[in-house]
């Protein structure tokens, strides 16, 4: 298949259970005929939900799409611990002493705000070039330093099973929900493990906007293209700016341009969409400190020609 070079967008996938985020990247590469594919925020194989996948030149903006707040629905099973922190692992301990609902709710609410977490061994964090999860599969465990993460809000709801609670979590980047479940169980003294996980939002991207793997697979090529969100749709709050032709050429050649020379001195936002005369975005630029004041410099060129052609 000939490599597609005219793609630039984000595919919002509702990842199914039983596949890795890397599997979904491979799937999108096949469906869109390009190797330029990456995802923003790994989901474990057992997890489902929002997986933003950058396609084509949108991969150049991966750093701007990855570090965002997220929302999850998780199920916490009390009275059980495993070697992975989730229900797929080997059982380490069992306890029949399950606290009452009020005690559980109080423990859960105490995890709101900045908290310290020790990253799990079952994670994509690298140590000396190797992912912790790969070391864990070899039976190797290494010391991990606690990290501060932020839990903006957390609540729990009982289920028909008195040992299982549904957690609704709104958290900052780097939060591990399996570790959160383990820590809640440890605080309650009975142990806990994550028995299901669904990511319902990444920043402004919600589960309602997502398409399924089956939907992408069954769509015709034109419909697949329409599934992709444009840079304008991904960053609707960013200011859009159409540079005069002279400064446009300077910017496209990699030069930094002082913002006061192009009427952007009032802009305090760190990123700007560069658009052509038709309002089509062809690049993302950063506003950076310069010797004589803030400057504008292209972060990623998304279209090779400002008329809208790639």
C-alpha atoms as a PDB file:
ATOM      1  CA  UNK A   1       0.000   0.000   0.000  1.00  0.00           C
ATOM      2  CA  UNK A   2       1.302   3.474  -0.931  1.00  0.00           C
ATOM      3  CA  UNK A   3       2.094   5.628   2.093  1.00  0.00           C
ATOM      4  CA  UNK A   4      -0.535   8.321   2.720  1.00  0.00           C
ATOM      5  CA  UNK A   5       1.134  11.717   3.107  1.00  0.00           C
ATOM      6  CA  UNK A   6      -1.903  14.021   3.152  1.00  0.00           C
ATOM      7  CA  UNK A   7      -3.237  13.208   6.610  1.00  0.00           C
ATOM      8  CA  UNK A   8      -3.370  15.409   9.705  1.00  0.00           C
ATOM      9  CA  UNK A   9      -5.898  14.749  12.448  1.00  0.00           C
ATOM     10  CA  UNK A  10      -6.863  12.986  15.657  1.00  0.00           C
ATOM     11  CA  UNK A  11      -8.946   9.825  15.676  1.00  0.00           C
ATOM     12  CA  UNK A  12     -10.868   9.398  18.912  1.00  0.00           C
ATOM     13  CA  UNK A  13     -11.151   5.661  19.485  1.00  0.00           C
ATOM     14  CA  UNK A  14     -13.237   3.852  22.072  1.00  0.00           C
ATOM     15  CA  UNK A  15     -10.590   1.224  22.801  1.00  0.00           C
ATOM     16  CA  UNK A  16     -12.033  -2.241  23.407  1.00  0.00           C
ATOM     17  CA  UNK A  17     -10.836  -4.537  26.170  1.00  0.00           C
ATOM     18  CA  UNK A  18      -8.248  -7.191  25.443  1.00  0.00           C
ATOM     19  CA  UNK A  19      -5.943  -5.177  23.162  1.00  0.00           C
ATOM     20  CA  UNK A  20      -3.034  -2.860  23.907  1.00  0.00           C
ATOM     21  CA  UNK A  21      -2.783   0.790  22.917  1.00  0.00           C
ATOM     22  CA  UNK A  22       0.086  -0.265  20.622  1.00  0.00           C
ATOM     23  CA  UNK A  23      -2.260  -2.770  18.956  1.00  0.00           C
ATOM     24  CA  UNK A  24      -4.628   0.108  18.204  1.00  0.00           C
ATOM     25  CA  UNK A  25      -1.787   2.138  16.687  1.00  0.00           C
ATOM     26  CA  UNK A  26      -1.058  -0.789  14.341  1.00  0.00           C
ATOM     27  CA  UNK A  27      -4.742  -1.031  13.464  1.00  0.00           C
ATOM     28  CA  UNK A  28      -4.932   2.690  12.589  1.00  0.00           C
ATOM     29  CA  UNK A  29      -1.760   2.433  10.490  1.00  0.00           C
ATOM     30  CA  UNK A  30      -3.427  -0.278   8.412  1.00  0.00           C
ATOM     31  CA  UNK A  31      -6.745   1.541   8.120  1.00  0.00           C
ATOM     32  CA  UNK A  32      -5.209   4.885   7.093  1.00  0.00           C
ATOM     33  CA  UNK A  33      -2.207   3.645   5.127  1.00  0.00           C
ATOM     34  CA  UNK A  34       0.437   5.603   7.047  1.00  0.00           C
ATOM     35  CA  UNK A  35       3.196   4.841   9.544  1.00  0.00           C
ATOM     36  CA  UNK A  36       2.775   8.287  11.092  1.00  0.00           C
ATOM     37  CA  UNK A  37       0.506   7.227  13.951  1.00  0.00           C
ATOM     38  CA  UNK A  38       0.820   7.660  17.712  1.00  0.00           C
ATOM     39  CA  UNK A  39      -1.460   7.659  20.734  1.00  0.00           C
ATOM     40  CA  UNK A  40      -1.904  10.131  23.580  1.00  0.00           C
ATOM     41  CA  UNK A  41      -2.042   8.260  26.883  1.00  0.00           C
ATOM     42  CA  UNK A  42      -1.632   4.494  27.248  1.00  0.00           C
ATOM     43  CA  UNK A  43      -4.589   2.358  28.294  1.00  0.00           C
ATOM     44  CA  UNK A  44      -3.990  -1.094  29.798  1.00  0.00           C
ATOM     45  CA  UNK A  45      -5.264  -4.090  27.793  1.00  0.00           C
ATOM     46  CA  UNK A  46      -8.144  -4.645  30.250  1.00  0.00           C
ATOM     47  CA  UNK A  47      -9.208  -0.985  30.062  1.00  0.00           C
ATOM     48  CA  UNK A  48     -11.642   0.543  27.594  1.00  0.00           C
ATOM     49  CA  UNK A  49     -12.531   4.064  26.560  1.00  0.00           C
ATOM     50  CA  UNK A  50     -11.080   7.249  25.141  1.00  0.00           C
ATOM     51  CA  UNK A  51      -7.825   6.758  23.246  1.00  0.00           C
ATOM     52  CA  UNK A  52      -6.814   9.785  21.157  1.00  0.00           C
ATOM     53  CA  UNK A  53      -4.761   8.587  18.186  1.00  0.00           C
ATOM     54  CA  UNK A  54      -2.715  11.117  16.207  1.00  0.00           C
ATOM     55  CA  UNK A  55      -2.627  10.430  12.475  1.00  0.00           C
ATOM     56  CA  UNK A  56      -0.215  11.868   9.897  1.00  0.00           C
ATOM     57  CA  UNK A  57       1.438  15.190  10.673  1.00  0.00           C
ATOM     58  CA  UNK A  58      -0.673  15.485  13.822  1.00  0.00           C
ATOM     59  CA  UNK A  59       1.943  13.226  15.463  1.00  0.00           C
ATOM     60  CA  UNK A  60       4.166  16.322  15.581  1.00  0.00           C
ATOM     61  CA  UNK A  61       1.800  17.658  18.274  1.00  0.00           C
ATOM     62  CA  UNK A  62       1.903  14.579  20.521  1.00  0.00           C
ATOM     63  CA  UNK A  63       3.500  16.506  23.389  1.00  0.00           C
ATOM     64  CA  UNK A  64       0.656  19.045  23.293  1.00  0.00           C
ATOM     65  CA  UNK A  65      -2.018  16.327  23.338  1.00  0.00           C
ATOM     66  CA  UNK A  66      -0.640  13.919  25.939  1.00  0.00           C
ATOM     67  CA  UNK A  67      -0.308  15.859  29.201  1.00  0.00           C
ATOM     68  CA  UNK A  68      -3.934  16.531  30.088  1.00  0.00           C
ATOM     69  CA  UNK A  69      -6.446  15.796  32.818  1.00  0.00           C
ATOM     70  CA  UNK A  70      -8.486  12.614  32.464  1.00  0.00           C
ATOM     71  CA  UNK A  71     -11.741  11.116  33.757  1.00  0.00           C
ATOM     72  CA  UNK A  72     -12.233   7.467  34.636  1.00  0.00           C
ATOM     73  CA  UNK A  73     -14.897   5.081  35.847  1.00  0.00           C
ATOM     74  CA  UNK A  74     -13.299   2.232  37.738  1.00  0.00           C
ATOM     75  CA  UNK A  75     -14.527  -0.664  39.830  1.00  0.00           C
ATOM     76  CA  UNK A  76     -12.750  -1.297  43.117  1.00  0.00           C
ATOM     77  CA  UNK A  77     -13.008  -4.778  44.595  1.00  0.00           C
ATOM     78  CA  UNK A  78     -12.281  -4.775  48.314  1.00  0.00           C
ATOM     79  CA  UNK A  79     -10.928  -7.724  50.268  1.00  0.00           C
ATOM     80  CA  UNK A  80      -8.553  -8.749  47.492  1.00  0.00           C
ATOM     81  CA  UNK A  81      -4.997  -7.894  46.449  1.00  0.00           C
ATOM     82  CA  UNK A  82      -3.092  -9.113  43.390  1.00  0.00           C
ATOM     83  CA  UNK A  83       0.458  -8.877  42.109  1.00  0.00           C
ATOM     84  CA  UNK A  84      -0.613  -6.478  39.326  1.00  0.00           C
ATOM     85  CA  UNK A  85      -3.060  -4.292  41.236  1.00  0.00           C
ATOM     86  CA  UNK A  86      -5.919  -5.446  39.014  1.00  0.00           C
ATOM     87  CA  UNK A  87      -8.193  -8.437  38.702  1.00  0.00           C
ATOM     88  CA  UNK A  88      -6.058 -10.062  35.986  1.00  0.00           C
ATOM     89  CA  UNK A  89      -3.140 -10.700  38.353  1.00  0.00           C
ATOM     90  CA  UNK A  90      -2.273 -13.498  40.738  1.00  0.00           C
ATOM     91  CA  UNK A  91      -4.167 -13.238  44.025  1.00  0.00           C
ATOM     92  CA  UNK A  92      -1.921 -12.362  46.953  1.00  0.00           C
ATOM     93  CA  UNK A  93      -4.394 -11.878  49.823  1.00  0.00           C
ATOM     94  CA  UNK A  94      -8.091 -12.259  50.600  1.00  0.00           C
ATOM     95  CA  UNK A  95     -10.142 -10.740  53.400  1.00  0.00           C
ATOM     96  CA  UNK A  96     -13.793 -11.191  54.321  1.00  0.00           C
ATOM     97  CA  UNK A  97     -13.750  -8.116  56.605  1.00  0.00           C
ATOM     98  CA  UNK A  98     -15.282  -5.525  54.266  1.00  0.00           C
ATOM     99  CA  UNK A  99     -15.893  -2.095  55.888  1.00  0.00           C
ATOM    100  CA  UNK A 100     -19.343  -0.498  55.773  1.00  0.00           C
ATOM    101  CA  UNK A 101     -20.332   2.012  53.102  1.00  0.00           C
ATOM    102  CA  UNK A 102     -19.743   5.128  55.209  1.00  0.00           C
ATOM    103  CA  UNK A 103     -16.219   4.005  56.105  1.00  0.00           C
ATOM    104  CA  UNK A 104     -15.446   3.296  52.447  1.00  0.00           C
ATOM    105  CA  UNK A 105     -16.803   6.686  51.342  1.00  0.00           C
ATOM    106  CA  UNK A 106     -14.697   8.497  53.952  1.00  0.00           C
ATOM    107  CA  UNK A 107     -11.560   6.632  52.877  1.00  0.00           C
ATOM    108  CA  UNK A 108     -12.201   7.339  49.200  1.00  0.00           C
ATOM    109  CA  UNK A 109     -12.813  11.052  49.799  1.00  0.00           C
ATOM    110  CA  UNK A 110      -9.483  11.350  51.646  1.00  0.00           C
ATOM    111  CA  UNK A 111      -7.677  10.758  48.341  1.00  0.00           C
ATOM    112  CA  UNK A 112      -8.898  14.040  46.867  1.00  0.00           C
ATOM    113  CA  UNK A 113      -6.242  16.682  46.144  1.00  0.00           C
ATOM    114  CA  UNK A 114      -2.477  16.255  45.716  1.00  0.00           C
ATOM    115  CA  UNK A 115      -1.399  12.750  46.747  1.00  0.00           C
ATOM    116  CA  UNK A 116       1.756  10.652  46.501  1.00  0.00           C
ATOM    117  CA  UNK A 117       1.718   7.483  44.422  1.00  0.00           C
ATOM    118  CA  UNK A 118       4.347   4.826  43.890  1.00  0.00           C
ATOM    119  CA  UNK A 119       4.097   3.899  40.190  1.00  0.00           C
ATOM    120  CA  UNK A 120       3.198   0.228  39.697  1.00  0.00           C
ATOM    121  CA  UNK A 121       5.617  -2.233  38.152  1.00  0.00           C
ATOM    122  CA  UNK A 122       2.890  -2.871  35.570  1.00  0.00           C
ATOM    123  CA  UNK A 123       3.467   0.467  33.829  1.00  0.00           C
ATOM    124  CA  UNK A 124       5.166   1.946  30.761  1.00  0.00           C
ATOM    125  CA  UNK A 125       7.663   3.947  32.845  1.00  0.00           C
ATOM    126  CA  UNK A 126      11.213   3.176  31.731  1.00  0.00           C
ATOM    127  CA  UNK A 127      14.189   2.315  33.915  1.00  0.00           C
ATOM    128  CA  UNK A 128      17.548   2.145  32.116  1.00  0.00           C
ATOM    129  CA  UNK A 129      15.747   1.950  28.791  1.00  0.00           C
ATOM    130  CA  UNK A 130      13.404  -0.862  29.809  1.00  0.00           C
ATOM    131  CA  UNK A 131       9.702  -0.540  30.590  1.00  0.00           C
ATOM    132  CA  UNK A 132       8.792  -1.524  34.142  1.00  0.00           C
ATOM    133  CA  UNK A 133       6.072  -3.825  32.808  1.00  0.00           C
ATOM    134  CA  UNK A 134       8.673  -5.751  30.780  1.00  0.00           C
ATOM    135  CA  UNK A 135      10.833  -6.147  33.881  1.00  0.00           C
ATOM    136  CA  UNK A 136       7.771  -7.276  35.857  1.00  0.00           C
ATOM    137  CA  UNK A 137       7.069  -9.988  33.293  1.00  0.00           C
ATOM    138  CA  UNK A 138      10.599 -11.298  33.929  1.00  0.00           C
ATOM    139  CA  UNK A 139       9.941 -11.369  37.661  1.00  0.00           C
ATOM    140  CA  UNK A 140      12.181  -8.361  38.313  1.00  0.00           C
ATOM    141  CA  UNK A 141      11.025  -5.657  40.726  1.00  0.00           C
ATOM    142  CA  UNK A 142      12.874  -2.355  41.121  1.00  0.00           C
ATOM    143  CA  UNK A 143      12.493   0.432  43.655  1.00  0.00           C
ATOM    144  CA  UNK A 144      10.251   3.316  42.525  1.00  0.00           C
ATOM    145  CA  UNK A 145      10.148   6.764  44.040  1.00  0.00           C
ATOM    146  CA  UNK A 146       6.740   8.192  45.032  1.00  0.00           C
ATOM    147  CA  UNK A 147       5.384  10.826  42.665  1.00  0.00           C
ATOM    148  CA  UNK A 148       2.910  13.580  43.372  1.00  0.00           C
ATOM    149  CA  UNK A 149      -0.286  13.427  41.326  1.00  0.00           C
ATOM    150  CA  UNK A 150      -3.482  15.426  41.590  1.00  0.00           C
ATOM    151  CA  UNK A 151      -6.964  14.023  42.124  1.00  0.00           C
ATOM    152  CA  UNK A 152      -9.351  16.861  41.259  1.00  0.00           C
ATOM    153  CA  UNK A 153     -12.380  14.882  42.430  1.00  0.00           C
ATOM    154  CA  UNK A 154     -13.231  11.330  43.426  1.00  0.00           C
ATOM    155  CA  UNK A 155     -16.487   9.691  44.496  1.00  0.00           C
ATOM    156  CA  UNK A 156     -17.738   6.162  44.977  1.00  0.00           C
ATOM    157  CA  UNK A 157     -21.022   4.359  44.552  1.00  0.00           C
ATOM    158  CA  UNK A 158     -21.914   0.940  45.994  1.00  0.00           C
ATOM    159  CA  UNK A 159     -22.953  -1.896  43.704  1.00  0.00           C
ATOM    160  CA  UNK A 160     -25.066  -4.999  44.280  1.00  0.00           C
ATOM    161  CA  UNK A 161     -21.909  -6.674  45.588  1.00  0.00           C
ATOM    162  CA  UNK A 162     -20.996  -5.166  49.015  1.00  0.00           C
ATOM    163  CA  UNK A 163     -17.292  -5.666  48.265  1.00  0.00           C
ATOM    164  CA  UNK A 164     -17.380  -3.766  44.942  1.00  0.00           C
ATOM    165  CA  UNK A 165     -17.616   0.014  44.512  1.00  0.00           C
ATOM    166  CA  UNK A 166     -17.684   2.166  41.391  1.00  0.00           C
ATOM    167  CA  UNK A 167     -15.207   5.024  41.478  1.00  0.00           C
ATOM    168  CA  UNK A 168     -15.584   8.201  39.427  1.00  0.00           C
ATOM    169  CA  UNK A 169     -12.191   9.884  39.193  1.00  0.00           C
ATOM    170  CA  UNK A 170     -11.154  13.201  37.651  1.00  0.00           C
ATOM    171  CA  UNK A 171      -7.368  13.403  37.831  1.00  0.00           C
ATOM    172  CA  UNK A 172      -4.213  14.973  36.467  1.00  0.00           C
ATOM    173  CA  UNK A 173      -1.617  13.365  34.234  1.00  0.00           C
ATOM    174  CA  UNK A 174       0.439  10.466  35.548  1.00  0.00           C
ATOM    175  CA  UNK A 175      -2.256   9.105  37.889  1.00  0.00           C
ATOM    176  CA  UNK A 176      -2.457   5.316  38.111  1.00  0.00           C
ATOM    177  CA  UNK A 177      -5.986   4.147  38.914  1.00  0.00           C
ATOM    178  CA  UNK A 178      -4.838   0.634  39.836  1.00  0.00           C
ATOM    179  CA  UNK A 179      -2.498   2.151  42.425  1.00  0.00           C
ATOM    180  CA  UNK A 180      -5.332   4.358  43.679  1.00  0.00           C
ATOM    181  CA  UNK A 181      -7.474   1.232  44.201  1.00  0.00           C
ATOM    182  CA  UNK A 182      -4.638  -0.516  46.019  1.00  0.00           C
ATOM    183  CA  UNK A 183      -4.013   2.512  48.258  1.00  0.00           C
ATOM    184  CA  UNK A 184      -7.709   2.834  49.162  1.00  0.00           C
ATOM    185  CA  UNK A 185      -7.812  -0.856  50.040  1.00  0.00           C
ATOM    186  CA  UNK A 186      -4.661  -0.507  52.134  1.00  0.00           C
ATOM    187  CA  UNK A 187      -6.127   2.441  54.036  1.00  0.00           C
ATOM    188  CA  UNK A 188      -9.261   0.417  54.778  1.00  0.00           C
ATOM    189  CA  UNK A 189      -7.124  -2.491  56.009  1.00  0.00           C
ATOM    190  CA  UNK A 190      -8.818  -5.091  53.815  1.00  0.00           C
ATOM    191  CA  UNK A 191      -6.891  -4.644  50.593  1.00  0.00           C
ATOM    192  CA  UNK A 192      -8.274  -3.650  47.226  1.00  0.00           C
ATOM    193  CA  UNK A 193      -7.755  -4.207  43.529  1.00  0.00           C
ATOM    194  CA  UNK A 194      -9.051  -2.668  40.302  1.00  0.00           C
ATOM    195  CA  UNK A 195     -11.593  -4.960  38.678  1.00  0.00           C
ATOM    196  CA  UNK A 196     -12.565  -2.781  35.667  1.00  0.00           C
ATOM    197  CA  UNK A 197     -11.527   0.531  34.130  1.00  0.00           C
ATOM    198  CA  UNK A 198     -13.069   2.831  31.525  1.00  0.00           C
ATOM    199  CA  UNK A 199     -11.595   6.185  30.533  1.00  0.00           C
ATOM    200  CA  UNK A 200     -14.456   8.559  29.800  1.00  0.00           C
ATOM    201  CA  UNK A 201     -12.537  11.728  28.898  1.00  0.00           C
ATOM    202  CA  UNK A 202      -9.095  13.069  28.007  1.00  0.00           C
ATOM    203  CA  UNK A 203      -9.098  16.837  28.380  1.00  0.00           C
ATOM    204  CA  UNK A 204     -12.020  18.014  26.199  1.00  0.00           C
ATOM    205  CA  UNK A 205     -12.271  14.711  24.314  1.00  0.00           C
ATOM    206  CA  UNK A 206     -15.177  12.657  25.681  1.00  0.00           C
ATOM    207  CA  UNK A 207     -16.364   9.103  25.170  1.00  0.00           C
ATOM    208  CA  UNK A 208     -19.422  10.425  23.298  1.00  0.00           C
ATOM    209  CA  UNK A 209     -17.109  11.692  20.518  1.00  0.00           C
ATOM    210  CA  UNK A 210     -15.352   8.360  20.052  1.00  0.00           C
ATOM    211  CA  UNK A 211     -15.759   5.806  17.280  1.00  0.00           C
ATOM    212  CA  UNK A 212     -15.310   2.086  17.738  1.00  0.00           C
ATOM    213  CA  UNK A 213     -12.759  -0.160  16.079  1.00  0.00           C
ATOM    214  CA  UNK A 214     -15.552  -1.935  14.213  1.00  0.00           C
ATOM    215  CA  UNK A 215     -16.926   1.380  12.964  1.00  0.00           C
ATOM    216  CA  UNK A 216     -13.543   2.408  11.534  1.00  0.00           C
ATOM    217  CA  UNK A 217     -12.994  -1.024  10.000  1.00  0.00           C
ATOM    218  CA  UNK A 218     -16.377  -1.099   8.247  1.00  0.00           C
ATOM    219  CA  UNK A 219     -16.219   2.504   6.967  1.00  0.00           C
ATOM    220  CA  UNK A 220     -15.243   3.451   3.419  1.00  0.00           C
ATOM    221  CA  UNK A 221     -11.989   5.464   2.952  1.00  0.00           C
ATOM    222  CA  UNK A 222     -13.775   8.825   2.680  1.00  0.00           C
ATOM    223  CA  UNK A 223     -15.720   8.216   5.896  1.00  0.00           C
ATOM    224  CA  UNK A 224     -12.524   7.270   7.702  1.00  0.00           C
ATOM    225  CA  UNK A 225     -11.009  10.623   6.768  1.00  0.00           C
ATOM    226  CA  UNK A 226     -14.104  12.376   8.141  1.00  0.00           C
ATOM    227  CA  UNK A 227     -13.544  10.642  11.493  1.00  0.00           C
ATOM    228  CA  UNK A 228     -10.345  12.670  11.967  1.00  0.00           C
ATOM    229  CA  UNK A 229     -10.540  15.834  14.059  1.00  0.00           C
ATOM    230  CA  UNK A 230      -8.655  18.769  12.533  1.00  0.00           C
ATOM    231  CA  UNK A 231      -6.184  20.927  14.518  1.00  0.00           C
ATOM    232  CA  UNK A 232      -8.891  23.615  14.703  1.00  0.00           C
ATOM    233  CA  UNK A 233     -11.290  21.098  16.288  1.00  0.00           C
ATOM    234  CA  UNK A 234      -8.640  19.791  18.689  1.00  0.00           C
ATOM    235  CA  UNK A 235      -7.612  23.235  19.923  1.00  0.00           C
ATOM    236  CA  UNK A 236     -10.712  25.455  19.595  1.00  0.00           C
ATOM    237  CA  UNK A 237      -9.589  27.824  22.380  1.00  0.00           C
ATOM    238  CA  UNK A 238      -6.219  28.665  20.822  1.00  0.00           C
ATOM    239  CA  UNK A 239      -5.964  32.010  19.040  1.00  0.00           C
ATOM    240  CA  UNK A 240      -5.787  31.798  15.242  1.00  0.00           C
ATOM    241  CA  UNK A 241      -3.506  34.158  13.329  1.00  0.00           C
ATOM    242  CA  UNK A 242      -2.922  34.778   9.622  1.00  0.00           C
ATOM    243  CA  UNK A 243       0.616  36.221   9.258  1.00  0.00           C
ATOM    244  CA  UNK A 244       1.397  38.716   6.505  1.00  0.00           C
ATOM    245  CA  UNK A 245       3.178  36.969   3.566  1.00  0.00           C
ATOM    246  CA  UNK A 246       6.649  38.283   4.446  1.00  0.00           C
ATOM    247  CA  UNK A 247       6.492  37.052   8.045  1.00  0.00           C
ATOM    248  CA  UNK A 248       4.805  33.838   6.933  1.00  0.00           C
ATOM    249  CA  UNK A 249       7.881  33.014   4.848  1.00  0.00           C
ATOM    250  CA  UNK A 250      10.189  33.813   7.754  1.00  0.00           C
ATOM    251  CA  UNK A 251       8.191  31.583  10.100  1.00  0.00           C
ATOM    252  CA  UNK A 252       8.076  28.692   7.627  1.00  0.00           C
ATOM    253  CA  UNK A 253      11.856  28.940   7.233  1.00  0.00           C
ATOM    254  CA  UNK A 254      12.271  28.389  10.971  1.00  0.00           C
ATOM    255  CA  UNK A 255      12.795  32.013  12.033  1.00  0.00           C
ATOM    256  CA  UNK A 256      11.436  33.470  15.264  1.00  0.00           C
ATOM    257  CA  UNK A 257       9.411  36.655  14.812  1.00  0.00           C
ATOM    258  CA  UNK A 258       8.825  39.204  17.552  1.00  0.00           C
ATOM    259  CA  UNK A 259       5.144  39.286  18.443  1.00  0.00           C
ATOM    260  CA  UNK A 260       5.032  43.090  18.597  1.00  0.00           C
ATOM    261  CA  UNK A 261       6.045  43.251  14.910  1.00  0.00           C
ATOM    262  CA  UNK A 262       2.990  41.262  13.820  1.00  0.00           C
ATOM    263  CA  UNK A 263       0.325  42.556  16.193  1.00  0.00           C
ATOM    264  CA  UNK A 264       0.434  39.684  18.664  1.00  0.00           C
ATOM    265  CA  UNK A 265       1.959  41.499  21.636  1.00  0.00           C
ATOM    266  CA  UNK A 266      -1.356  41.204  23.503  1.00  0.00           C
ATOM    267  CA  UNK A 267      -1.488  37.393  23.209  1.00  0.00           C
ATOM    268  CA  UNK A 268      -0.580  35.628  26.449  1.00  0.00           C
ATOM    269  CA  UNK A 269      -1.572  32.114  25.355  1.00  0.00           C
ATOM    270  CA  UNK A 270       1.495  29.872  24.803  1.00  0.00           C
ATOM    271  CA  UNK A 271       0.321  28.449  21.452  1.00  0.00           C
ATOM    272  CA  UNK A 272      -1.158  29.915  18.277  1.00  0.00           C
ATOM    273  CA  UNK A 273      -2.783  28.325  15.222  1.00  0.00           C
ATOM    274  CA  UNK A 274      -1.339  29.765  12.026  1.00  0.00           C
ATOM    275  CA  UNK A 275      -4.033  29.920   9.352  1.00  0.00           C
ATOM    276  CA  UNK A 276      -4.186  30.957   5.703  1.00  0.00           C
ATOM    277  CA  UNK A 277      -6.531  33.567   4.248  1.00  0.00           C
ATOM    278  CA  UNK A 278      -9.316  30.955   4.157  1.00  0.00           C
ATOM    279  CA  UNK A 279      -8.932  30.207   7.869  1.00  0.00           C
ATOM    280  CA  UNK A 280      -7.355  26.779   7.306  1.00  0.00           C
ATOM    281  CA  UNK A 281      -4.693  25.868   9.862  1.00  0.00           C
ATOM    282  CA  UNK A 282      -1.323  24.998   8.357  1.00  0.00           C
ATOM    283  CA  UNK A 283       0.940  25.174  11.448  1.00  0.00           C
ATOM    284  CA  UNK A 284       1.077  25.458  15.209  1.00  0.00           C
ATOM    285  CA  UNK A 285       3.409  28.069  16.659  1.00  0.00           C
ATOM    286  CA  UNK A 286       4.684  28.747  20.178  1.00  0.00           C
ATOM    287  CA  UNK A 287       5.047  32.105  21.867  1.00  0.00           C
ATOM    288  CA  UNK A 288       8.473  32.012  23.531  1.00  0.00           C
ATOM    289  CA  UNK A 289      10.610  34.465  25.490  1.00  0.00           C
ATOM    290  CA  UNK A 290      13.149  36.371  23.370  1.00  0.00           C
ATOM    291  CA  UNK A 291      15.968  38.815  24.076  1.00  0.00           C
ATOM    292  CA  UNK A 292      13.846  41.812  23.048  1.00  0.00           C
ATOM    293  CA  UNK A 293      10.456  40.443  24.037  1.00  0.00           C
ATOM    294  CA  UNK A 294       8.195  37.468  23.201  1.00  0.00           C
ATOM    295  CA  UNK A 295       8.667  35.788  19.824  1.00  0.00           C
ATOM    296  CA  UNK A 296       6.538  33.520  17.642  1.00  0.00           C
ATOM    297  CA  UNK A 297       8.169  30.332  16.314  1.00  0.00           C
ATOM    298  CA  UNK A 298       6.621  27.388  14.488  1.00  0.00           C
ATOM    299  CA  UNK A 299       6.289  24.279  16.650  1.00  0.00           C
ATOM    300  CA  UNK A 300       5.005  22.007  13.865  1.00  0.00           C
ATOM    301  CA  UNK A 301       4.242  22.558  10.182  1.00  0.00           C
ATOM    302  CA  UNK A 302       1.056  20.630   9.401  1.00  0.00           C
ATOM    303  CA  UNK A 303       0.524  21.602   5.777  1.00  0.00           C
ATOM    304  CA  UNK A 304       3.316  22.235   3.322  1.00  0.00           C
ATOM    305  CA  UNK A 305       1.382  24.881   1.453  1.00  0.00           C
ATOM    306  CA  UNK A 306      -0.699  27.537   3.245  1.00  0.00           C
ATOM    307  CA  UNK A 307      -3.416  27.293   0.604  1.00  0.00           C
ATOM    308  CA  UNK A 308      -4.580  24.133   2.375  1.00  0.00           C
ATOM    309  CA  UNK A 309      -2.722  21.511   0.307  1.00  0.00           C
ATOM    310  CA  UNK A 310      -0.364  19.277   2.228  1.00  0.00           C
END
